[in-house]
Amino acid sequence: MRLIRLLGLLSVVVFGQAQAEALLPERWVSAGSALSEWIAVLGGQHKLVGVDSTSQFPQVLTKLPSIGYQRQLSAEGILSLKPDILVGTEEMGPPPVLEQLKAAGLRIERFSAKADLEALADNLTRLGHLLGAEEQAAQLLNNYRLKLAKLQAQVREMEQNGRPKPKALLLLSHAGTRPMAAGTDTAADWLIKQAGGENLATHQGYKAISSEALLAMNPEVLIFTDRSLPSRDAMQAQLAQDPALAASRAAQSGRLLSLEPTLLVGGLGARLPEELARLMQAFYSEHP
């Protein structure tokens, strides 16, 4: 009798698990580089049927149908892929398109694009639940925290050894246009500070910066990123057209770095710890 009851309970548990798995969304569309990366890392890459233009890592994602730029989505293009769910951050839009998608019955899940560990913890927990990969998400978050803690310990060691924080500036441009400096409340600001630098731009968000302001700041390290050109090409174009950049301490000492722009989209992504390690080494290198 006990065996029969035990088998009955076991069948209920198995049926419940199968039912829960059947309710998980199978056809995903993702808008935002960091979110798409995490979906792939969590084993959900095969569920993606479309991604936005910032979702380029892993490279296989570039072979999927594109739904355009995350801030300029098209309802028709997304619905044509017959997705079960659209995931994106608060950067996703425009709002009328999202309302149109909701009216069509599409499930929309929005995540935080904030560059901090609390936001990442929430994002990974929710993605793990939606993918049925809760344990893997928890392990990834733990490993991420450990990597950042190790980097912070190295930065503190540099400071204790009398190494001053390098004064840095990150410039974001588009096809060689006048660059914008990354200020507070940006992923770029988080990267600079986590890597042991001091961000010279104290304004909020991204803001166009004049040659006079660049001369006054005179950064020790310049980080270039461009949304449409390879970052090194953008770097050379900016140095050629702006004497203030060419005359900066960073240019004179050769402390010029490039950054993949998709690293700054959609919150903290899976590749950031490795990028932080690279920046930290460049910040504190005596021979750039």
Protein backbone atom coordinates (compact mmCIF):
# COMPACT_ATOMS: atom_id res chain seq x y z
CA MET A 1 0.00 0.00 0.00
CA ARG A 2 2.80 2.34 0.91
CA LEU A 3 4.54 1.54 -2.36
CA ILE A 4 1.40 2.42 -4.29
CA ARG A 5 1.11 5.75 -2.47
CA LEU A 6 4.78 6.49 -3.06
CA LEU A 7 4.44 5.76 -6.76
CA GLY A 8 1.36 7.95 -6.88
CA LEU A 9 3.19 10.87 -5.27
CA LEU A 10 6.13 10.40 -7.61
CA SER A 11 3.88 10.46 -10.66
CA VAL A 12 2.30 13.71 -9.43
CA VAL A 13 5.73 15.32 -9.01
CA VAL A 14 6.89 14.17 -12.45
CA PHE A 15 3.65 15.33 -14.06
CA GLY A 16 3.94 18.70 -12.28
CA GLN A 17 7.50 19.19 -13.53
CA ALA A 18 6.53 18.27 -17.09
CA GLN A 19 3.58 20.64 -16.95
CA ALA A 20 5.77 23.47 -15.66
CA GLU A 21 8.31 22.88 -18.43
CA ALA A 22 5.53 22.88 -21.02
CA LEU A 23 4.47 26.35 -19.81
CA LEU A 24 7.93 27.83 -20.36
CA PRO A 25 8.13 30.08 -23.45
CA GLU A 26 9.78 28.30 -26.35
CA ARG A 27 10.13 30.99 -29.03
CA TRP A 28 12.11 34.00 -27.75
CA VAL A 29 12.92 37.41 -29.18
CA SER A 30 15.54 39.41 -27.28
CA ALA A 31 16.37 43.13 -27.41
CA GLY A 32 19.61 44.12 -25.71
CA SER A 33 23.13 42.76 -25.97
CA ALA A 34 23.59 41.74 -22.32
CA LEU A 35 20.24 39.92 -22.11
CA SER A 36 20.88 37.99 -25.33
CA GLU A 37 24.31 36.97 -24.06
CA TRP A 38 22.89 35.67 -20.80
CA ILE A 39 20.14 33.73 -22.57
CA ALA A 40 22.84 32.00 -24.65
CA VAL A 41 25.05 31.33 -21.61
CA LEU A 42 22.06 29.85 -19.75
CA GLY A 43 21.51 27.39 -22.58
CA GLY A 44 18.56 29.16 -24.19
CA GLN A 45 20.24 30.05 -27.46
CA HIS A 46 18.19 27.45 -29.36
CA LYS A 47 15.00 29.20 -28.22
CA LEU A 48 15.94 32.53 -29.79
CA VAL A 49 14.14 33.20 -33.07
CA GLY A 50 15.18 36.88 -33.36
CA VAL A 51 17.44 39.45 -31.75
CA ASP A 52 18.06 43.18 -31.99
CA SER A 53 21.05 44.76 -33.75
CA THR A 54 23.11 45.08 -30.54
CA SER A 55 22.99 41.33 -29.89
CA GLN A 56 26.19 40.22 -31.57
CA PHE A 57 27.76 37.86 -29.01
CA PRO A 58 28.05 34.95 -29.27
CA GLN A 59 28.58 35.54 -32.98
CA VAL A 60 26.05 32.89 -33.97
CA LEU A 61 23.31 35.30 -32.85
CA THR A 62 24.11 37.54 -35.83
CA LYS A 63 22.70 34.80 -38.09
CA LEU A 64 19.25 35.14 -36.52
CA PRO A 65 16.57 37.45 -37.97
CA SER A 66 17.09 41.03 -36.79
CA ILE A 67 14.30 43.03 -35.18
CA GLY A 68 16.25 46.30 -35.56
CA TYR A 69 17.71 48.56 -32.90
CA GLN A 70 16.32 48.02 -29.41
CA ARG A 71 14.94 51.57 -29.12
CA GLN A 72 13.33 51.49 -32.57
CA LEU A 73 11.50 48.17 -32.72
CA SER A 74 8.84 47.29 -35.26
CA ALA A 75 5.73 45.38 -34.19
CA GLU A 76 5.26 43.80 -37.62
CA GLY A 77 8.80 42.45 -37.76
CA ILE A 78 8.57 40.94 -34.29
CA LEU A 79 5.13 39.39 -34.74
CA SER A 80 6.20 37.85 -38.05
CA LEU A 81 8.59 35.61 -36.06
CA LYS A 82 5.64 34.21 -34.05
CA PRO A 83 7.41 34.52 -30.68
CA ASP A 84 6.02 33.44 -27.31
CA ILE A 85 7.93 36.14 -25.47
CA LEU A 86 9.86 39.39 -26.03
CA VAL A 87 12.53 40.21 -23.46
CA GLY A 88 14.31 43.55 -23.20
CA THR A 89 15.28 46.29 -20.78
CA GLU A 90 13.68 49.63 -19.96
CA GLU A 91 15.72 50.95 -22.92
CA MET A 92 13.47 48.95 -25.27
CA GLY A 93 10.88 50.84 -27.31
CA PRO A 94 9.26 52.90 -28.58
CA PRO A 95 6.28 52.67 -26.15
CA PRO A 96 3.57 52.67 -28.87
CA VAL A 97 5.16 49.59 -30.44
CA LEU A 98 5.24 47.79 -27.10
CA GLU A 99 1.58 48.61 -26.55
CA GLN A 100 0.79 47.26 -30.01
CA LEU A 101 2.63 44.02 -29.20
CA LYS A 102 0.79 43.67 -25.90
CA ALA A 103 -2.53 44.20 -27.66
CA ALA A 104 -1.57 41.38 -30.04
CA GLY A 105 -1.18 39.09 -27.03
CA LEU A 106 2.62 38.88 -26.94
CA ARG A 107 4.18 38.33 -23.54
CA ILE A 108 6.70 41.08 -22.77
CA GLU A 109 9.23 40.87 -19.95
CA ARG A 110 11.32 43.94 -19.16
CA PHE A 111 14.58 43.80 -17.23
CA SER A 112 16.87 46.37 -15.66
CA ALA A 113 19.65 48.01 -17.70
CA LYS A 114 21.32 49.40 -14.57
CA ALA A 115 25.01 48.71 -14.21
CA ASP A 116 25.05 47.17 -10.74
CA LEU A 117 25.13 43.73 -9.20
CA GLU A 118 21.69 43.97 -7.59
CA ALA A 119 20.10 44.53 -11.00
CA LEU A 120 22.15 41.69 -12.49
CA ALA A 121 21.09 39.34 -9.69
CA ASP A 122 17.43 40.08 -10.40
CA ASN A 123 17.90 39.75 -14.16
CA LEU A 124 19.66 36.40 -13.92
CA THR A 125 17.14 35.04 -11.42
CA ARG A 126 14.22 35.94 -13.67
CA LEU A 127 15.90 34.65 -16.83
CA GLY A 128 16.77 31.41 -15.05
CA HIS A 129 13.13 30.98 -14.04
CA LEU A 130 11.83 31.68 -17.57
CA LEU A 131 14.33 29.23 -19.06
CA GLY A 132 13.95 26.56 -16.40
CA ALA A 133 17.62 27.02 -15.47
CA GLU A 134 17.42 28.40 -11.94
CA GLU A 135 20.41 26.50 -10.55
CA GLN A 136 22.63 27.42 -13.47
CA ALA A 137 21.64 31.10 -13.13
CA ALA A 138 22.52 31.05 -9.42
CA GLN A 139 25.91 29.47 -10.14
CA LEU A 140 26.68 32.00 -12.89
CA LEU A 141 25.84 34.87 -10.55
CA ASN A 142 28.08 33.44 -7.83
CA ASN A 143 30.99 33.03 -10.26
CA TYR A 144 30.44 36.58 -11.53
CA ARG A 145 30.61 37.96 -7.99
CA LEU A 146 33.81 36.02 -7.32
CA LYS A 147 35.46 37.39 -10.47
CA LEU A 148 34.56 40.97 -9.55
CA ALA A 149 35.75 40.47 -5.96
CA LYS A 150 39.12 39.22 -7.24
CA LEU A 151 39.46 42.25 -9.52
CA GLN A 152 38.55 44.63 -6.71
CA ALA A 153 41.19 43.03 -4.50
CA GLN A 154 43.78 43.67 -7.22
CA VAL A 155 42.67 47.30 -7.55
CA ARG A 156 42.94 47.80 -3.76
CA GLU A 157 46.43 46.30 -3.86
CA MET A 158 47.45 48.82 -6.52
CA GLU A 159 46.10 51.67 -4.41
CA GLN A 160 47.84 50.40 -1.27
CA ASN A 161 51.10 50.31 -3.21
CA GLY A 162 50.71 54.01 -3.93
CA ARG A 163 49.44 53.72 -7.50
CA PRO A 164 47.06 56.65 -8.13
CA LYS A 165 43.74 56.15 -9.87
CA PRO A 166 44.23 57.04 -13.56
CA LYS A 167 41.97 59.87 -14.73
CA ALA A 168 39.98 58.39 -17.60
CA LEU A 169 37.36 59.42 -20.13
CA LEU A 170 35.21 57.24 -22.37
CA LEU A 171 34.04 58.75 -25.66
CA LEU A 172 31.10 57.30 -27.55
CA SER A 173 30.60 58.28 -31.19
CA HIS A 174 28.57 57.17 -34.18
CA ALA A 175 30.28 56.87 -37.56
CA GLY A 176 32.97 59.33 -36.52
CA THR A 177 30.54 62.06 -35.38
CA ARG A 178 31.31 64.43 -32.51
CA PRO A 179 31.84 62.16 -29.49
CA MET A 180 29.80 62.10 -26.30
CA ALA A 181 31.49 61.62 -22.95
CA ALA A 182 30.10 58.92 -20.66
CA GLY A 183 29.13 60.39 -17.30
CA THR A 184 27.53 59.00 -14.17
CA ASP A 185 24.73 56.40 -14.22
CA THR A 186 26.18 54.68 -17.28
CA ALA A 187 27.71 51.27 -17.83
CA ALA A 188 30.87 53.06 -18.97
CA ASP A 189 31.16 54.88 -15.63
CA TRP A 190 30.76 51.54 -13.82
CA LEU A 191 33.47 49.96 -15.97
CA ILE A 192 35.95 52.79 -15.39
CA LYS A 193 35.46 52.77 -11.63
CA GLN A 194 35.46 48.98 -11.27
CA ALA A 195 38.72 48.83 -13.22
CA GLY A 196 40.30 51.27 -10.76
CA GLY A 197 40.01 54.51 -12.71
CA GLU A 198 38.48 57.90 -12.00
CA ASN A 199 35.87 59.05 -14.50
CA LEU A 200 36.52 62.70 -15.36
CA ALA A 201 32.99 63.17 -16.74
CA THR A 202 30.77 64.11 -13.80
CA HIS A 203 27.57 64.89 -15.73
CA GLN A 204 24.76 62.36 -15.84
CA GLY A 205 24.44 60.04 -18.84
CA TYR A 206 26.06 60.71 -22.19
CA LYS A 207 26.75 64.31 -23.21
CA ALA A 208 28.49 65.98 -26.15
CA ILE A 209 31.81 67.39 -25.10
CA SER A 210 33.64 70.42 -26.56
CA SER A 211 37.31 70.71 -27.40
CA GLU A 212 37.66 73.28 -24.62
CA ALA A 213 36.24 70.83 -22.08
CA LEU A 214 38.59 68.12 -23.33
CA LEU A 215 41.56 70.43 -22.95
CA ALA A 216 40.52 71.27 -19.39
CA MET A 217 40.04 67.62 -18.44
CA ASN A 218 43.27 66.46 -20.09
CA PRO A 219 42.64 62.74 -19.40
CA GLU A 220 45.44 60.30 -18.70
CA VAL A 221 43.50 57.47 -20.38
CA LEU A 222 41.08 57.72 -23.30
CA ILE A 223 38.65 54.93 -24.17
CA PHE A 224 37.01 55.05 -27.59
CA THR A 225 33.90 53.24 -28.74
CA ASP A 226 31.77 53.75 -31.85
CA ARG A 227 28.34 52.35 -32.71
CA SER A 228 29.04 51.84 -36.40
CA LEU A 229 32.80 51.94 -36.97
CA PRO A 230 35.46 49.63 -35.55
CA SER A 231 36.60 51.35 -32.35
CA ARG A 232 40.21 51.71 -33.49
CA ASP A 233 39.11 53.36 -36.74
CA ALA A 234 36.92 55.73 -34.74
CA MET A 235 39.86 56.47 -32.46
CA GLN A 236 42.09 57.49 -35.35
CA ALA A 237 39.31 59.61 -36.88
CA GLN A 238 38.67 61.46 -33.62
CA LEU A 239 42.37 62.12 -33.00
CA ALA A 240 42.80 63.44 -36.54
CA GLN A 241 39.91 65.88 -36.35
CA ASP A 242 40.28 67.13 -32.76
CA PRO A 243 43.61 68.73 -31.72
CA ALA A 244 42.46 68.70 -28.09
CA LEU A 245 42.37 64.92 -28.11
CA ALA A 246 45.70 64.63 -29.89
CA ALA A 247 47.29 66.96 -27.33
CA SER A 248 45.91 65.14 -24.27
CA ARG A 249 48.13 63.29 -21.83
CA ALA A 250 46.47 60.05 -22.97
CA ALA A 251 47.40 60.58 -26.62
CA GLN A 252 50.91 61.77 -25.80
CA SER A 253 51.64 58.72 -23.65
CA GLY A 254 49.83 56.26 -25.92
CA ARG A 255 47.24 55.30 -23.32
CA LEU A 256 44.44 54.94 -25.88
CA LEU A 257 42.01 52.05 -25.53
CA SER A 258 39.14 50.76 -27.64
CA LEU A 259 35.94 49.17 -26.38
CA GLU A 260 33.29 47.02 -28.08
CA PRO A 261 30.12 49.19 -27.90
CA THR A 262 27.70 46.31 -27.27
CA LEU A 263 29.36 45.83 -23.87
CA LEU A 264 27.55 48.99 -22.78
CA VAL A 265 24.04 47.86 -23.78
CA GLY A 266 21.42 46.22 -21.60
CA GLY A 267 23.11 46.14 -18.20
CA LEU A 268 25.97 43.97 -16.98
CA GLY A 269 26.75 41.28 -19.54
CA ALA A 270 28.60 37.98 -19.33
CA ARG A 271 31.80 39.33 -20.96
CA LEU A 272 32.35 42.27 -18.61
CA PRO A 273 34.65 40.64 -16.02
CA GLU A 274 37.18 39.81 -18.74
CA GLU A 275 36.89 43.33 -20.16
CA LEU A 276 37.40 44.79 -16.67
CA ALA A 277 40.59 42.77 -16.27
CA ARG A 278 41.87 44.14 -19.58
CA LEU A 279 41.05 47.73 -18.61
CA MET A 280 42.65 47.36 -15.19
CA GLN A 281 45.88 46.07 -16.70
CA ALA A 282 45.91 48.97 -19.16
CA PHE A 283 45.09 51.52 -16.44
CA TYR A 284 48.00 50.46 -14.25
CA SER A 285 50.48 49.46 -16.92
CA GLU A 286 53.72 51.43 -16.78
CA HIS A 287 54.40 50.74 -20.44
CA PRO A 288 51.22 51.28 -22.54
